[in-house]
Structures are given as C-alpha cells and as structure tokens.
Amino acid sequence: MTGIGFTIRSFHNNYKSATETMKVLPTTQNFLALPKESSGYDSSKVVILSAPYEKTVSYGGGTAKGPEAIIKASQYVEFLDDEFFKELCFDVGIATLPPLAFGKRAGKSMLDYLQKAVREQIENKKFVVTLGGEHTISTAPIMAHYQMYPNVSVLHFDAHSDLRLEYSGTPYSHACFMARVADLGFPMNRVVQVGIRAQEKAEYEYIKRLGIQTFYATGIRKGIYGDHWQRSVVQALPTNEVYITFDVDYFDPAIMPSTGTPEPDGFQWNETMEVFRELKKAGKKIVGFDVVELAPDLKARHATYLVAKLVYRMLNFALA
C-alpha cells in the first residue's frame, strides 16, 4: 500500500518515530504539486522533510514559515529542468512528508529527534531533503548522513561560518550549528565552506585550528582561489560523497532579501550553479542536503520562488 496510511516499522527501539505512521501530503500541499502516482511514499526515491524550527534567530525572524512557503512556491516551478532537460520528479518520485512537530523540544532534544527522523528515512533508502527552519537544525541531518555514509564530506554554503561556541547564551543557536557538528566528532577537515563574509575572530582561529577549508567571499572576488573558484571549491572536498547544507543568506540580498541576516557582497544564481556543475564533472555524489534560513516575505515573493527552484535544481544535480 502506498501513500496515506502506509506504515513502516521503527528502526529505533526507544524512539517513537516521527514517521511511524507514514503519511504523505496530497497534491495540493506537496512539493511541485505532484500527482499521487509521483508522490507516494513507497514509489518515491526522494522525501521532503520539513523542520519548521525557530528558537534563536537574532536579527530578522520568520524561518519557521520557510518550509511551507518553499513548498507552496514550488507548485509554480516547471517540471522540466533546463539544466538537464528531464522531468526528474516523474523519474524518481518525490514524497512530501507532513512537517515535523517539535512541540517543546529545543536544543539537544530537538536535534536528537530530527536526527533519528532523518536517519530513518535514509535507512528506508530515501534521498532526504530537509527544509528549515533556522540553521540550528542542520547539525541533525549532517550527523544522520555521517552515520550512514562514514566517508561523507560537507559542503556548506553560507554568509556565516556558524562556528561560535555559543551565541546569546546557548550553544544550540543558528550561529553555532557547525561547532556542534565538530563536538559530535565529525572530521572537520572534510568540511568546505563557501561564501563566508561575516564571522568573529574566534571563528577564524577555530577554522585554522580544525583544518576547515573556507572560501571567503572577499577572497573569491579578489581571485585568491584562482580564475575558476568553483573548481577550487570542489577540489577541496576530500571524498566523493557529499552532503550539502545551504543557508540562503549565502546569496546576495538583491536576490535573497528574505532571510534573517542578509549580508552584502553575496552570490548570484549562475555562479552558484557552477559549483554544482563542477561537482557533477568531478563525479561527486550528493547524498542529501538541507536548505535553511528562508524568512518568507510576501513583498519579496521572488526570493521564496528562488529557493523552491534551488531545491529542485539541487535534486537534479544529485539524481539526474
């Protein structure tokens, strides 16, 4: 039986699965507005997992509304992707799960809950796309994929390095998520950051100490990383399996105003797609990704649509 009502067993004895009774959202509410035959759980390779968590945003709020807004905007994205001239959604199937309900969970308990939910989907042989929510959530899917793909590297698109040991009195802040990844034992010499243009000195020193490969925005503009910086980014990834965490404030505020901390001197669409083209050329395998920090604004609908298009384009690069 597929679709609504499909039930799977839990893989975690002491965990009441967030997807224990497997349901998928109907056409009117799912990613790309896909018909039932292309969005049932059993028949889909991809699952969209919404994590509308927002507890620690520091400048502008609204990220909890991000996943729903992305899904709604996706319903106007064309099925045919002009990068590959394929209708990937019909080739692989995309099941959109109901949003996770975090209730009173926050910090570590939220991350534990989300990590188990993501891991369960990977164990079910699904390609998992996690939609945030603030960047705090990304520690969980990164670690879930690390458990299942022990040789994975992480490609981190962001305006910020997010390596603060704590921020605003908590270690579980959107400004700390990558520091928590380090705490949990991920080999940080497998992390490549791109687009960074806002950090504190302690983060800069932490990057050098941990051996993180960081491509700063200013360095990119100056040509420090070579004439084709996108190739340099991909060459810095030490393994073939790659997990991507994408904070939309990586983009320039001109095209991405709808985020909590829109930093100037960001990046445009096509130069970003060049990173993914280089990943493809290099034979890198994208094993999963998250997209976070959209704070939707009805006065800037183009930004929400851009993120929906980004999610579908990343799926094409991963699976086409």
Protein backbone atom coordinates (compact mmCIF):
# COMPACT_ATOMS: atom_id res chain seq x y z
CA MET A 1 0.00 0.00 0.00
CA THR A 2 1.37 3.42 -0.91
CA GLY A 3 0.62 6.98 0.09
CA ILE A 4 -1.55 7.97 3.01
CA GLY A 5 -1.76 5.34 5.69
CA PHE A 6 1.39 3.43 4.71
CA THR A 7 3.01 2.08 7.87
CA ILE A 8 6.64 1.13 8.43
CA ARG A 9 8.34 -0.34 11.45
CA SER A 10 10.60 1.85 13.55
CA PHE A 11 14.31 1.14 13.41
CA HIS A 12 14.88 2.59 16.85
CA ASN A 13 13.59 0.63 19.83
CA ASN A 14 13.46 3.59 22.20
CA TYR A 15 12.24 6.13 19.67
CA LYS A 16 8.69 6.80 18.69
CA SER A 17 9.30 7.61 15.05
CA ALA A 18 8.23 10.97 13.67
CA THR A 19 7.15 8.94 10.63
CA GLU A 20 5.87 5.81 12.33
CA THR A 21 2.56 6.05 10.52
CA MET A 22 3.84 7.12 7.15
CA LYS A 23 1.71 9.77 5.53
CA VAL A 24 2.42 11.99 2.58
CA LEU A 25 0.88 15.32 1.74
CA PRO A 26 -1.64 15.41 -1.12
CA THR A 27 -1.09 17.12 -4.47
CA THR A 28 -2.49 20.42 -3.23
CA GLN A 29 0.09 20.56 -0.42
CA ASN A 30 3.13 18.69 -1.71
CA PHE A 31 6.40 19.74 -3.34
CA LEU A 32 5.84 20.64 -7.03
CA ALA A 33 2.11 19.77 -6.71
CA LEU A 34 2.87 16.27 -7.93
CA PRO A 35 0.09 13.79 -8.68
CA LYS A 36 -0.41 10.81 -6.41
CA GLU A 37 1.42 8.39 -8.68
CA SER A 38 4.59 10.52 -8.45
CA SER A 39 4.40 11.43 -4.77
CA GLY A 40 3.52 8.25 -2.90
CA TYR A 41 5.94 7.16 -0.22
CA ASP A 42 6.59 3.64 -1.47
CA SER A 43 7.16 4.70 -5.07
CA SER A 44 9.35 7.76 -4.38
CA LYS A 45 13.12 7.87 -4.10
CA VAL A 46 13.09 11.37 -2.57
CA VAL A 47 11.42 12.57 0.61
CA ILE A 48 10.93 16.20 1.59
CA LEU A 49 11.17 16.55 5.37
CA SER A 50 10.08 19.90 6.81
CA ALA A 51 11.71 21.07 10.03
CA PRO A 52 9.96 24.38 10.87
CA TYR A 53 12.11 25.07 13.92
CA GLU A 54 12.80 28.65 15.06
CA LYS A 55 14.12 29.46 18.51
CA THR A 56 17.31 31.51 18.21
CA VAL A 57 17.11 33.85 15.22
CA SER A 58 18.97 37.03 16.09
CA TYR A 59 18.09 39.80 13.62
CA GLY A 60 15.08 39.01 11.47
CA GLY A 61 12.58 36.25 12.24
CA GLY A 62 10.20 34.09 10.26
CA THR A 63 12.23 30.99 9.42
CA ALA A 64 9.60 28.68 10.93
CA LYS A 65 7.41 29.62 7.97
CA GLY A 66 10.13 28.76 5.49
CA PRO A 67 9.35 25.10 4.69
CA GLU A 68 5.68 25.69 3.99
CA ALA A 69 6.46 28.73 1.84
CA ILE A 70 9.05 26.79 -0.18
CA ILE A 71 6.58 24.00 -0.85
CA LYS A 72 3.84 26.43 -1.87
CA ALA A 73 6.18 28.28 -4.23
CA SER A 74 7.40 25.00 -5.71
CA GLN A 75 3.93 24.39 -7.07
CA TYR A 76 4.72 27.01 -9.73
CA VAL A 77 8.13 25.58 -10.66
CA GLU A 78 8.13 23.83 -14.04
CA PHE A 79 8.75 20.08 -14.04
CA LEU A 80 11.30 20.24 -16.89
CA ASP A 81 14.69 21.45 -15.69
CA ASP A 82 16.63 23.26 -18.42
CA GLU A 83 19.98 22.15 -16.99
CA PHE A 84 19.26 18.51 -17.85
CA PHE A 85 16.08 18.68 -19.96
CA LYS A 86 14.50 16.00 -17.81
CA GLU A 87 11.38 15.87 -15.69
CA LEU A 88 13.22 14.37 -12.74
CA CYS A 89 10.20 14.44 -10.45
CA PHE A 90 8.49 11.77 -12.58
CA ASP A 91 11.66 9.72 -12.97
CA VAL A 92 12.36 9.35 -9.24
CA GLY A 93 9.17 10.39 -7.38
CA ILE A 94 9.13 12.95 -4.58
CA ALA A 95 7.12 12.29 -1.41
CA THR A 96 6.41 15.26 0.84
CA LEU A 97 6.01 14.27 4.48
CA PRO A 98 3.92 16.28 6.95
CA PRO A 99 6.01 18.83 8.87
CA LEU A 100 7.72 17.57 11.97
CA ALA A 101 6.04 18.74 15.17
CA PHE A 102 8.77 19.71 17.62
CA GLY A 103 6.43 20.75 20.42
CA LYS A 104 8.51 21.84 23.41
CA ARG A 105 11.66 20.20 22.07
CA ALA A 106 14.58 22.60 21.80
CA GLY A 107 18.35 22.40 21.61
CA LYS A 108 19.74 18.90 22.01
CA SER A 109 16.36 17.19 22.34
CA MET A 110 15.22 18.76 19.07
CA LEU A 111 18.41 17.69 17.31
CA ASP A 112 18.15 14.12 18.62
CA TYR A 113 14.55 13.92 17.43
CA LEU A 114 15.35 15.29 13.99
CA GLN A 115 18.47 13.18 13.56
CA LYS A 116 16.53 9.99 14.19
CA ALA A 117 13.79 11.07 11.79
CA VAL A 118 16.32 11.75 9.03
CA ARG A 119 18.24 8.55 9.68
CA GLU A 120 15.07 6.51 9.49
CA GLN A 121 14.40 7.86 6.01
CA ILE A 122 17.95 7.06 4.89
CA GLU A 123 17.55 3.54 6.24
CA ASN A 124 14.39 3.32 4.15
CA LYS A 125 16.61 4.01 1.11
CA LYS A 126 15.30 7.53 0.61
CA PHE A 127 17.20 10.59 -0.56
CA VAL A 128 16.37 13.13 2.15
CA VAL A 129 15.85 16.85 1.62
CA THR A 130 15.44 18.70 4.93
CA LEU A 131 13.82 22.14 4.82
CA GLY A 132 14.36 24.58 7.68
CA GLY A 133 13.78 26.46 9.79
CA GLU A 134 16.84 28.10 11.27
CA HIS A 135 20.33 26.72 10.63
CA THR A 136 20.46 25.12 14.07
CA ILE A 137 18.61 22.14 12.61
CA SER A 138 21.40 21.23 10.18
CA THR A 139 23.56 19.51 12.79
CA ALA A 140 20.99 16.70 12.85
CA PRO A 141 20.82 15.74 9.16
CA ILE A 142 24.59 16.13 8.82
CA MET A 143 25.18 13.65 11.64
CA ALA A 144 22.47 11.28 10.37
CA HIS A 145 24.18 11.16 6.99
CA TYR A 146 27.59 10.76 8.62
CA GLN A 147 26.26 7.72 10.47
CA MET A 148 25.08 6.18 7.20
CA TYR A 149 27.88 7.48 4.94
CA PRO A 150 31.02 7.46 7.11
CA ASN A 151 33.18 8.84 4.27
CA VAL A 152 30.94 11.84 3.59
CA SER A 153 32.23 15.39 3.24
CA VAL A 154 30.15 18.51 3.95
CA LEU A 155 29.79 21.44 1.56
CA HIS A 156 28.50 24.46 3.46
CA PHE A 157 27.06 27.46 1.58
CA ASP A 158 26.65 30.44 3.90
CA ALA A 159 27.47 34.07 4.62
CA HIS A 160 28.49 32.99 8.14
CA SER A 161 30.79 30.25 9.38
CA ASP A 162 28.43 29.39 12.27
CA LEU A 163 31.28 28.16 14.45
CA ARG A 164 30.59 30.12 17.63
CA LEU A 165 30.85 28.02 20.75
CA GLU A 166 27.68 29.73 21.97
CA TYR A 167 25.56 32.69 20.98
CA SER A 168 23.01 34.65 23.01
CA GLY A 169 23.55 32.33 25.94
CA THR A 170 23.05 28.99 24.18
CA PRO A 171 25.31 26.53 22.35
CA TYR A 172 22.28 25.48 20.27
CA SER A 173 21.98 28.62 18.18
CA HIS A 174 21.85 29.08 14.44
CA ALA A 175 25.27 30.72 14.84
CA CYS A 176 26.71 27.56 16.44
CA PHE A 177 25.47 24.64 14.36
CA MET A 178 28.82 23.80 12.76
CA ALA A 179 30.58 23.94 16.13
CA ARG A 180 28.12 21.31 17.35
CA VAL A 181 28.99 19.15 14.32
CA ALA A 182 32.62 19.38 15.41
CA ASP A 183 31.69 18.47 19.01
CA LEU A 184 29.95 15.32 17.81
CA GLY A 185 33.09 14.00 16.18
CA PHE A 186 32.68 14.82 12.52
CA PRO A 187 36.15 15.14 10.90
CA MET A 188 36.26 18.87 10.23
CA ASN A 189 38.97 18.59 7.58
CA ARG A 190 36.12 17.24 5.45
CA VAL A 191 34.14 20.49 5.74
CA VAL A 192 34.33 23.03 2.92
CA GLN A 193 32.66 26.40 3.47
CA VAL A 194 31.91 28.81 0.64
CA GLY A 195 30.64 32.39 0.63
CA ILE A 196 31.71 33.30 4.17
CA ARG A 197 31.79 37.06 4.78
CA ALA A 198 30.74 37.55 8.42
CA GLN A 199 32.41 35.97 11.46
CA GLU A 200 34.18 36.75 14.70
CA LYS A 201 37.92 36.35 15.25
CA ALA A 202 37.48 33.25 17.39
CA GLU A 203 35.71 31.53 14.49
CA TYR A 204 38.55 32.46 12.13
CA GLU A 205 41.05 30.92 14.53
CA TYR A 206 38.83 27.86 15.04
CA ILE A 207 38.76 27.32 11.27
CA LYS A 208 42.56 27.31 11.11
CA ARG A 209 42.86 25.01 14.12
CA LEU A 210 40.35 22.45 12.82
CA GLY A 211 41.59 22.47 9.24
CA ILE A 212 38.30 23.62 7.72
CA GLN A 213 38.61 24.71 4.10
CA THR A 214 36.93 28.12 3.88
CA PHE A 215 36.38 30.12 0.70
CA TYR A 216 35.76 33.68 1.79
CA ALA A 217 33.65 35.97 -0.36
CA THR A 218 36.31 38.67 -0.44
CA GLY A 219 38.96 36.14 -1.46
CA ILE A 220 36.72 34.88 -4.24
CA ARG A 221 36.21 38.42 -5.53
CA LYS A 222 39.96 39.09 -5.42
CA GLY A 223 40.77 35.90 -7.33
CA ILE A 224 42.74 34.39 -4.45
CA TYR A 225 41.29 30.94 -5.18
CA GLY A 226 42.09 31.01 -8.88
CA ASP A 227 40.29 32.02 -12.04
CA HIS A 228 37.66 29.32 -11.57
CA TRP A 229 36.95 29.38 -7.85
CA GLN A 230 34.08 26.91 -8.19
CA ARG A 231 36.52 24.22 -9.34
CA SER A 232 38.78 25.01 -6.40
CA VAL A 233 35.84 24.55 -4.03
CA VAL A 234 35.06 21.11 -5.42
CA GLN A 235 38.72 20.07 -5.47
CA ALA A 236 38.89 20.90 -1.76
CA LEU A 237 36.31 18.19 -0.98
CA PRO A 238 38.40 15.19 0.12
CA THR A 239 35.82 12.44 -0.52
CA ASN A 240 33.38 11.59 -3.29
CA GLU A 241 30.23 11.51 -1.14
CA VAL A 242 28.99 14.99 -0.29
CA TYR A 243 26.28 16.33 1.99
CA ILE A 244 25.23 19.94 1.33
CA THR A 245 23.93 22.41 3.90
CA PHE A 246 22.71 25.58 2.22
CA ASP A 247 21.89 28.75 4.15
CA VAL A 248 20.11 31.05 1.72
CA ASP A 249 21.87 34.13 3.13
CA TYR A 250 24.80 32.90 1.02
CA PHE A 251 23.02 34.66 -1.85
CA ASP A 252 23.26 38.40 -2.37
CA PRO A 253 20.47 40.41 -0.69
CA ALA A 254 19.49 41.73 -4.12
CA ILE A 255 18.09 38.32 -4.99
CA MET A 256 17.63 36.99 -1.44
CA PRO A 257 16.25 39.69 0.86
CA SER A 258 14.07 37.18 2.73
CA THR A 259 16.49 35.96 5.36
CA GLY A 260 17.38 36.96 8.89
CA THR A 261 20.86 38.39 8.23
CA PRO A 262 21.19 39.50 4.58
CA GLU A 263 24.92 40.18 4.23
CA PRO A 264 26.18 42.33 1.33
CA ASP A 265 28.56 41.02 -1.36
CA GLY A 266 26.71 37.74 -1.74
CA PHE A 267 26.41 35.45 -4.71
CA GLN A 268 24.28 35.18 -7.81
CA TRP A 269 22.40 32.21 -9.25
CA ASN A 270 24.58 31.18 -12.18
CA GLU A 271 27.93 31.45 -10.41
CA THR A 272 26.43 29.20 -7.73
CA MET A 273 25.22 26.67 -10.28
CA GLU A 274 28.82 26.48 -11.49
CA VAL A 275 29.75 24.87 -8.17
CA PHE A 276 27.17 22.15 -8.79
CA ARG A 277 28.35 21.70 -12.38
CA GLU A 278 31.86 21.18 -11.10
CA LEU A 279 30.57 18.64 -8.58
CA LYS A 280 28.98 16.74 -11.46
CA LYS A 281 32.10 16.92 -13.61
CA ALA A 282 34.24 15.65 -10.74
CA GLY A 283 31.98 12.65 -10.20
CA LYS A 284 30.98 13.71 -6.69
CA LYS A 285 27.84 12.07 -5.30
CA ILE A 286 25.42 14.30 -3.42
CA VAL A 287 23.89 12.02 -0.75
CA GLY A 288 21.48 14.53 0.81
CA PHE A 289 21.02 18.19 1.58
CA ASP A 290 19.22 20.79 3.65
CA VAL A 291 18.12 24.32 2.78
CA VAL A 292 17.58 26.73 5.66
CA GLU A 293 17.03 30.31 6.85
CA LEU A 294 14.35 31.46 4.42
CA ALA A 295 12.14 34.00 6.20
CA PRO A 296 9.39 34.42 3.60
CA ASP A 297 8.12 37.90 2.81
CA LEU A 298 5.02 38.45 0.68
CA LYS A 299 6.62 41.63 -0.66
CA ALA A 300 9.57 39.61 -1.99
CA ARG A 301 7.94 36.50 -3.43
CA HIS A 302 10.74 36.14 -5.96
CA ALA A 303 13.06 35.12 -3.12
CA THR A 304 10.82 32.27 -1.97
CA TYR A 305 10.41 31.09 -5.54
CA LEU A 306 14.20 31.16 -5.96
CA VAL A 307 14.59 28.79 -3.01
CA ALA A 308 11.95 26.41 -4.37
CA LYS A 309 13.77 26.41 -7.71
CA LEU A 310 17.07 25.85 -5.88
CA VAL A 311 15.74 22.75 -4.13
CA TYR A 312 14.55 21.23 -7.40
CA ARG A 313 17.76 22.15 -9.22
CA MET A 314 19.88 20.59 -6.46
CA LEU A 315 17.80 17.42 -6.76
CA ASN A 316 18.54 17.38 -10.47
CA PHE A 317 22.26 17.70 -9.86
CA ALA A 318 22.09 14.92 -7.29
CA LEU A 319 19.91 12.42 -9.14
CA ALA A 320 19.57 13.27 -12.85
